[in-house]
Amino acid sequence: MTDETPRGLPAPPPLGAAALPPGTYGGRVILVTGGGTGLGKAIAAEFARLGADLVIAGRRAGRLEAARKELSAVPGAGRVTAAVCDIRDPERIAEVFDAAQAALGLPDVLVNNAAANFPSPAEDLSPNAWRAVVDITLTGTWFMTREFARRHLGDGTPGSIVNIGASYAWTGGPGFAHSAAAKAGVKNLVETLAVEWGPYGIQVNALVPGLFPHADMTEEIRGGLERAAPDAKDSRQPALRVGAPRELGWAATFLASPYARFITGHTLVVDGANWQRRSPVNPEVVPVRTQLGRGPFTP
């Protein structure tokens, strides 16, 4: 008789394991926006483990320098540089690419990880709040992507772009109208640009992360997890566990690798099937204002 107790998906290999052959990215340059913290840093670490030279970009010099030192110590890592950059500024982006090209060479891979987000009922969003999220998440991603592609098109060289998306690009995101709209735009860029630039050897793909707890989570996400029962975050996932940040890094290194050359225009969801959950009877609807502890709307 078999034991039918649910066990969920197996745990990933240990930190330090690599999903691709050693040296896969030797001599190649990877630029990661938002690479100084959280999932961006975890993605950068897996490229470093495979021999890549790294450029990590972000807005906070202190965090970038700490991450640069940490990533430089990853076994197998190549050279690591850091660049302070607001991706809403096309001129600064061009300067970052110039500096990267002078120091390491033209980046072969661009990972657009930088984004902005915070929960809010849609009716409470100010024009500035809307612009801040859309300008960083969508417009900033476009500015980075455009600069990367123009340089490769000018040189006649191939390249690979990996955008970080979100599942509510498909489903909508109550409480996150600004971010959901921006991420839907990012997803559309993947599908549009993959066709436009495929003839020139430029791949464009996306990764959608599920729940990957890490030290740099926003206060809202961290608070929600801390308020839950100790095992609630696991038991509420079809995989019966959350993700390890290195699992997102492994997916990124695969999509940009020589082994995925025929994959482009694709959005890969890495969340243990959580976004596809359905219930025969849906839970009670709780308005977003109530979920966020807001009182009645006052015009």
Protein backbone atom coordinates (compact mmCIF):
# COMPACT_ATOMS: atom_id res chain seq x y z
CA MET A 1 0.00 0.00 0.00
CA THR A 2 1.45 3.38 -1.00
CA ASP A 3 1.68 6.38 1.29
CA GLU A 4 -0.46 9.12 -0.25
CA THR A 5 0.53 11.86 2.19
CA PRO A 6 1.21 15.02 0.14
CA ARG A 7 4.87 15.94 0.17
CA GLY A 8 5.04 18.69 -2.42
CA LEU A 9 7.86 19.33 -4.85
CA PRO A 10 11.35 18.19 -3.86
CA ALA A 11 13.80 20.67 -2.38
CA PRO A 12 16.29 22.23 -4.81
CA PRO A 13 19.97 21.28 -4.93
CA PRO A 14 22.09 23.11 -2.35
CA LEU A 15 23.35 26.66 -2.67
CA GLY A 16 26.52 26.59 -4.73
CA ALA A 17 25.29 23.94 -7.16
CA ALA A 18 25.15 25.01 -10.81
CA ALA A 19 22.53 24.14 -13.38
CA LEU A 20 24.92 24.51 -16.32
CA PRO A 21 28.49 23.36 -17.04
CA PRO A 22 31.24 25.27 -15.18
CA GLY A 23 32.48 28.24 -17.16
CA THR A 24 29.34 28.53 -19.30
CA TYR A 25 29.56 32.31 -18.99
CA GLY A 26 33.34 32.62 -18.96
CA GLY A 27 34.37 35.74 -20.87
CA ARG A 28 30.79 37.00 -21.09
CA VAL A 29 29.45 40.18 -19.50
CA ILE A 30 26.10 40.27 -17.68
CA LEU A 31 24.34 43.49 -16.65
CA VAL A 32 21.72 43.15 -13.91
CA THR A 33 19.56 46.10 -12.88
CA GLY A 34 18.49 46.04 -9.26
CA GLY A 35 21.46 43.72 -8.79
CA GLY A 36 22.49 45.03 -5.41
CA THR A 37 19.75 43.38 -3.38
CA GLY A 38 17.21 40.57 -3.24
CA LEU A 39 16.38 38.51 -6.27
CA GLY A 40 18.54 40.64 -8.55
CA LYS A 41 21.58 39.82 -6.47
CA ALA A 42 20.60 36.13 -6.35
CA ILE A 43 20.35 36.07 -10.15
CA ALA A 44 23.71 37.82 -10.50
CA ALA A 45 25.29 35.26 -8.15
CA GLU A 46 24.32 32.35 -10.38
CA PHE A 47 25.80 34.04 -13.45
CA ALA A 48 28.95 34.72 -11.41
CA ARG A 49 29.16 31.07 -10.37
CA LEU A 50 29.32 30.17 -14.05
CA GLY A 51 32.25 32.48 -14.72
CA ALA A 52 30.53 35.69 -15.85
CA ASP A 53 31.85 39.20 -15.55
CA LEU A 54 29.13 41.26 -13.87
CA VAL A 55 27.83 44.80 -13.93
CA ILE A 56 25.26 45.38 -11.18
CA ALA A 57 23.24 48.57 -11.39
CA GLY A 58 21.01 50.26 -8.85
CA ARG A 59 20.24 53.55 -7.16
CA ARG A 60 21.99 53.05 -3.79
CA ALA A 61 25.76 53.18 -3.87
CA GLY A 62 26.25 51.61 -0.43
CA ARG A 63 24.18 48.54 -1.20
CA LEU A 64 25.81 48.17 -4.59
CA GLU A 65 29.30 48.21 -3.12
CA ALA A 66 28.36 45.63 -0.48
CA ALA A 67 26.87 43.42 -3.19
CA ARG A 68 29.91 43.88 -5.42
CA LYS A 69 32.18 42.56 -2.69
CA GLU A 70 29.83 39.66 -1.97
CA LEU A 71 29.51 38.68 -5.63
CA SER A 72 33.26 38.98 -6.20
CA ALA A 73 33.72 36.27 -3.59
CA VAL A 74 31.41 33.78 -5.33
CA PRO A 75 33.51 30.80 -6.46
CA GLY A 76 34.12 31.00 -10.19
CA ALA A 77 33.15 34.66 -10.51
CA GLY A 78 34.84 36.90 -13.02
CA ARG A 79 35.22 40.64 -12.58
CA VAL A 80 32.39 42.52 -10.84
CA THR A 81 31.67 46.22 -11.19
CA ALA A 82 28.86 48.36 -9.81
CA ALA A 83 27.14 51.36 -11.36
CA VAL A 84 24.77 53.80 -9.70
CA CYS A 85 21.92 54.29 -12.17
CA ASP A 86 18.34 55.53 -12.20
CA ILE A 87 16.88 53.61 -15.12
CA ARG A 88 14.42 56.42 -15.78
CA ASP A 89 17.36 58.49 -17.10
CA PRO A 90 18.39 57.49 -20.66
CA GLU A 91 21.55 59.62 -20.53
CA ARG A 92 22.74 57.91 -17.35
CA ILE A 93 21.95 54.53 -18.88
CA ALA A 94 24.17 55.36 -21.85
CA GLU A 95 26.96 56.33 -19.45
CA VAL A 96 26.62 53.00 -17.63
CA PHE A 97 26.88 51.07 -20.89
CA ASP A 98 29.88 53.18 -21.94
CA ALA A 99 31.65 52.46 -18.66
CA ALA A 100 30.80 48.76 -18.77
CA GLN A 101 32.01 48.47 -22.35
CA ALA A 102 35.28 50.22 -21.52
CA ALA A 103 35.96 48.12 -18.43
CA LEU A 104 34.60 44.69 -19.37
CA GLY A 105 33.17 44.77 -22.87
CA LEU A 106 29.66 45.20 -24.25
CA PRO A 107 27.22 43.28 -22.02
CA ASP A 108 26.15 40.03 -23.68
CA VAL A 109 23.13 39.63 -21.40
CA LEU A 110 20.81 42.21 -19.86
CA VAL A 111 18.63 41.24 -16.90
CA ASN A 112 15.94 43.87 -16.31
CA ASN A 113 15.17 43.22 -12.66
CA ALA A 114 14.72 46.78 -11.31
CA ALA A 115 11.11 47.70 -10.56
CA ALA A 116 8.97 49.71 -8.14
CA ASN A 117 5.86 48.60 -6.31
CA PHE A 118 3.69 49.16 -3.25
CA PRO A 119 0.10 48.16 -2.47
CA SER A 120 -2.67 50.72 -2.79
CA PRO A 121 -6.34 50.85 -3.65
CA ALA A 122 -6.53 52.18 -7.20
CA GLU A 123 -8.63 55.17 -6.19
CA ASP A 124 -5.94 56.31 -3.74
CA LEU A 125 -3.11 56.36 -6.29
CA SER A 126 -1.82 59.87 -6.91
CA PRO A 127 -0.52 60.88 -10.36
CA ASN A 128 3.03 60.89 -8.95
CA ALA A 129 2.63 57.43 -7.42
CA TRP A 130 1.34 56.05 -10.72
CA ARG A 131 4.16 57.67 -12.68
CA ALA A 132 6.85 56.48 -10.27
CA VAL A 133 5.89 52.81 -10.62
CA VAL A 134 5.18 52.86 -14.36
CA ASP A 135 8.27 54.95 -15.16
CA ILE A 136 10.63 52.59 -13.32
CA THR A 137 8.98 49.26 -14.06
CA LEU A 138 7.95 49.76 -17.69
CA THR A 139 9.66 52.85 -19.10
CA GLY A 140 12.96 52.16 -17.33
CA THR A 141 12.92 48.59 -18.59
CA TRP A 142 12.34 49.92 -22.11
CA PHE A 143 15.18 52.46 -21.84
CA MET A 144 17.61 49.74 -20.72
CA THR A 145 16.41 47.33 -23.40
CA ARG A 146 16.63 49.92 -26.14
CA GLU A 147 20.20 50.91 -25.24
CA PHE A 148 21.30 47.27 -25.10
CA ALA A 149 19.72 46.41 -28.44
CA ARG A 150 20.96 49.51 -30.28
CA ARG A 151 24.54 48.69 -29.34
CA HIS A 152 24.26 45.09 -30.47
CA LEU A 153 22.47 46.05 -33.64
CA GLY A 154 25.21 48.57 -34.36
CA ASP A 155 27.95 46.00 -33.77
CA GLY A 156 26.13 43.16 -35.52
CA THR A 157 26.45 40.94 -32.42
CA PRO A 158 23.91 38.63 -30.74
CA GLY A 159 22.58 39.24 -27.25
CA SER A 160 20.04 38.06 -24.73
CA ILE A 161 17.53 40.02 -22.63
CA VAL A 162 15.72 38.60 -19.61
CA ASN A 163 12.96 40.75 -18.12
CA ILE A 164 11.51 40.06 -14.69
CA GLY A 165 7.73 39.98 -14.94
CA ALA A 166 4.77 39.22 -12.70
CA SER A 167 1.85 36.81 -12.98
CA TYR A 168 -0.68 39.61 -12.61
CA ALA A 169 0.35 40.74 -16.09
CA TRP A 170 -2.13 38.01 -17.11
CA THR A 171 -4.59 38.01 -14.24
CA GLY A 172 -4.73 41.61 -13.08
CA GLY A 173 -3.59 42.61 -9.62
CA PRO A 174 -6.15 44.13 -7.25
CA GLY A 175 -4.25 46.49 -4.97
CA PHE A 176 -1.48 46.81 -7.55
CA ALA A 177 -3.13 48.49 -10.56
CA HIS A 178 -0.01 50.54 -11.30
CA SER A 179 2.42 47.61 -11.13
CA ALA A 180 0.09 45.16 -12.91
CA ALA A 181 -0.37 47.57 -15.81
CA ALA A 182 3.38 48.15 -16.03
CA LYS A 183 4.22 44.44 -15.91
CA ALA A 184 1.64 43.74 -18.61
CA GLY A 185 3.56 46.23 -20.71
CA VAL A 186 6.83 44.47 -19.94
CA LYS A 187 5.33 41.13 -21.01
CA ASN A 188 4.15 42.69 -24.26
CA LEU A 189 7.63 44.10 -24.91
CA VAL A 190 9.03 40.57 -24.62
CA GLU A 191 6.64 39.26 -27.25
CA THR A 192 7.00 42.24 -29.58
CA LEU A 193 10.76 42.66 -29.44
CA ALA A 194 11.50 38.94 -29.75
CA VAL A 195 9.99 39.10 -33.24
CA GLU A 196 11.57 42.41 -34.21
CA TRP A 197 15.08 41.54 -33.05
CA GLY A 198 15.19 37.78 -33.59
CA PRO A 199 16.54 38.22 -37.15
CA TYR A 200 19.52 40.04 -35.64
CA GLY A 201 20.32 37.38 -33.04
CA ILE A 202 18.81 39.08 -30.01
CA GLN A 203 16.67 36.91 -27.72
CA VAL A 204 14.05 38.49 -25.45
CA ASN A 205 12.45 36.43 -22.68
CA ALA A 206 10.94 36.95 -19.24
CA LEU A 207 10.87 35.26 -15.85
CA VAL A 208 7.97 35.51 -13.43
CA PRO A 209 8.97 34.75 -9.84
CA GLY A 210 6.64 33.30 -7.27
CA LEU A 211 7.22 33.64 -3.53
CA PHE A 212 10.98 33.67 -2.87
CA PRO A 213 11.53 34.92 0.69
CA HIS A 214 14.75 36.90 1.07
CA ALA A 215 16.30 39.52 3.33
CA ASP A 216 15.41 42.48 1.08
CA MET A 217 11.66 41.92 0.77
CA THR A 218 9.44 44.98 1.14
CA GLU A 219 7.96 45.65 4.57
CA GLU A 220 4.46 44.82 3.31
CA ILE A 221 5.45 41.36 2.06
CA ARG A 222 7.62 40.60 5.06
CA GLY A 223 4.89 41.71 7.45
CA GLY A 224 2.33 39.49 5.76
CA LEU A 225 4.60 36.46 6.03
CA GLU A 226 5.44 37.19 9.65
CA ARG A 227 1.77 37.47 10.58
CA ALA A 228 1.00 34.08 9.05
CA ALA A 229 1.44 30.79 10.89
CA PRO A 230 5.01 29.43 10.64
CA ASP A 231 4.16 26.95 7.87
CA ALA A 232 1.38 28.95 6.21
CA LYS A 233 3.52 30.24 3.36
CA ASP A 234 4.43 26.65 2.46
CA SER A 235 1.02 25.03 2.93
CA ARG A 236 -0.61 27.63 0.67
CA GLN A 237 1.58 26.73 -2.31
CA PRO A 238 0.81 23.74 -4.57
CA ALA A 239 4.49 22.82 -4.23
CA LEU A 240 4.04 22.83 -0.42
CA ARG A 241 7.11 25.03 -0.23
CA VAL A 242 8.28 28.45 -1.31
CA GLY A 243 11.09 29.02 -3.77
CA ALA A 244 14.79 29.43 -3.04
CA PRO A 245 16.22 32.54 -4.75
CA ARG A 246 18.88 30.44 -6.48
CA GLU A 247 16.10 28.63 -8.37
CA LEU A 248 15.20 31.88 -10.10
CA GLY A 249 18.90 32.42 -10.81
CA TRP A 250 19.17 28.98 -12.43
CA ALA A 251 16.20 29.77 -14.67
CA ALA A 252 17.77 33.07 -15.73
CA THR A 253 21.13 31.50 -16.53
CA PHE A 254 19.41 28.86 -18.64
CA LEU A 255 17.28 31.30 -20.64
CA ALA A 256 20.32 33.41 -21.54
CA SER A 257 22.61 30.44 -22.20
CA PRO A 258 23.74 28.77 -25.44
CA TYR A 259 21.37 25.90 -24.55
CA ALA A 260 18.28 28.11 -24.95
CA ARG A 261 19.07 29.82 -28.23
CA PHE A 262 15.77 28.77 -29.83
CA ILE A 263 13.70 30.09 -26.93
CA THR A 264 12.59 33.69 -27.39
CA GLY A 265 9.40 35.65 -26.82
CA HIS A 266 8.66 33.35 -23.88
CA THR A 267 7.64 34.14 -20.30
CA LEU A 268 8.67 31.40 -17.88
CA VAL A 269 6.79 31.31 -14.57
CA VAL A 270 8.87 29.98 -11.70
CA ASP A 271 6.38 29.68 -8.84
CA GLY A 272 5.50 26.03 -8.27
CA ALA A 273 2.19 26.50 -10.14
CA ASN A 274 0.89 28.89 -7.48
CA TRP A 275 -0.56 31.39 -9.93
CA GLN A 276 -2.67 28.67 -11.57
CA ARG A 277 -4.49 27.62 -8.41
CA ARG A 278 -8.26 27.35 -8.61
CA SER A 279 -10.82 26.41 -5.96
CA PRO A 280 -14.24 24.80 -6.55
CA VAL A 281 -15.65 27.43 -4.19
CA ASN A 282 -13.80 30.72 -4.08
CA PRO A 283 -13.05 32.40 -0.76
CA GLU A 284 -15.12 35.36 0.37
CA VAL A 285 -14.31 38.60 -1.45
CA VAL A 286 -12.58 41.10 0.80
CA PRO A 287 -12.28 44.60 -0.72
CA VAL A 288 -8.73 45.82 -1.24
CA ARG A 289 -9.28 48.77 1.11
CA THR A 290 -10.21 46.35 3.90
CA GLN A 291 -7.23 44.10 3.18
CA LEU A 292 -4.89 47.08 3.47
CA GLY A 293 -6.55 48.44 6.59
CA ARG A 294 -7.81 51.60 4.88
CA GLY A 295 -10.98 53.36 5.95
CA PRO A 296 -13.76 54.43 3.60
CA PHE A 297 -12.63 56.41 0.57
CA THR A 298 -12.85 60.17 0.98
CA PRO A 299 -12.60 62.18 -2.27
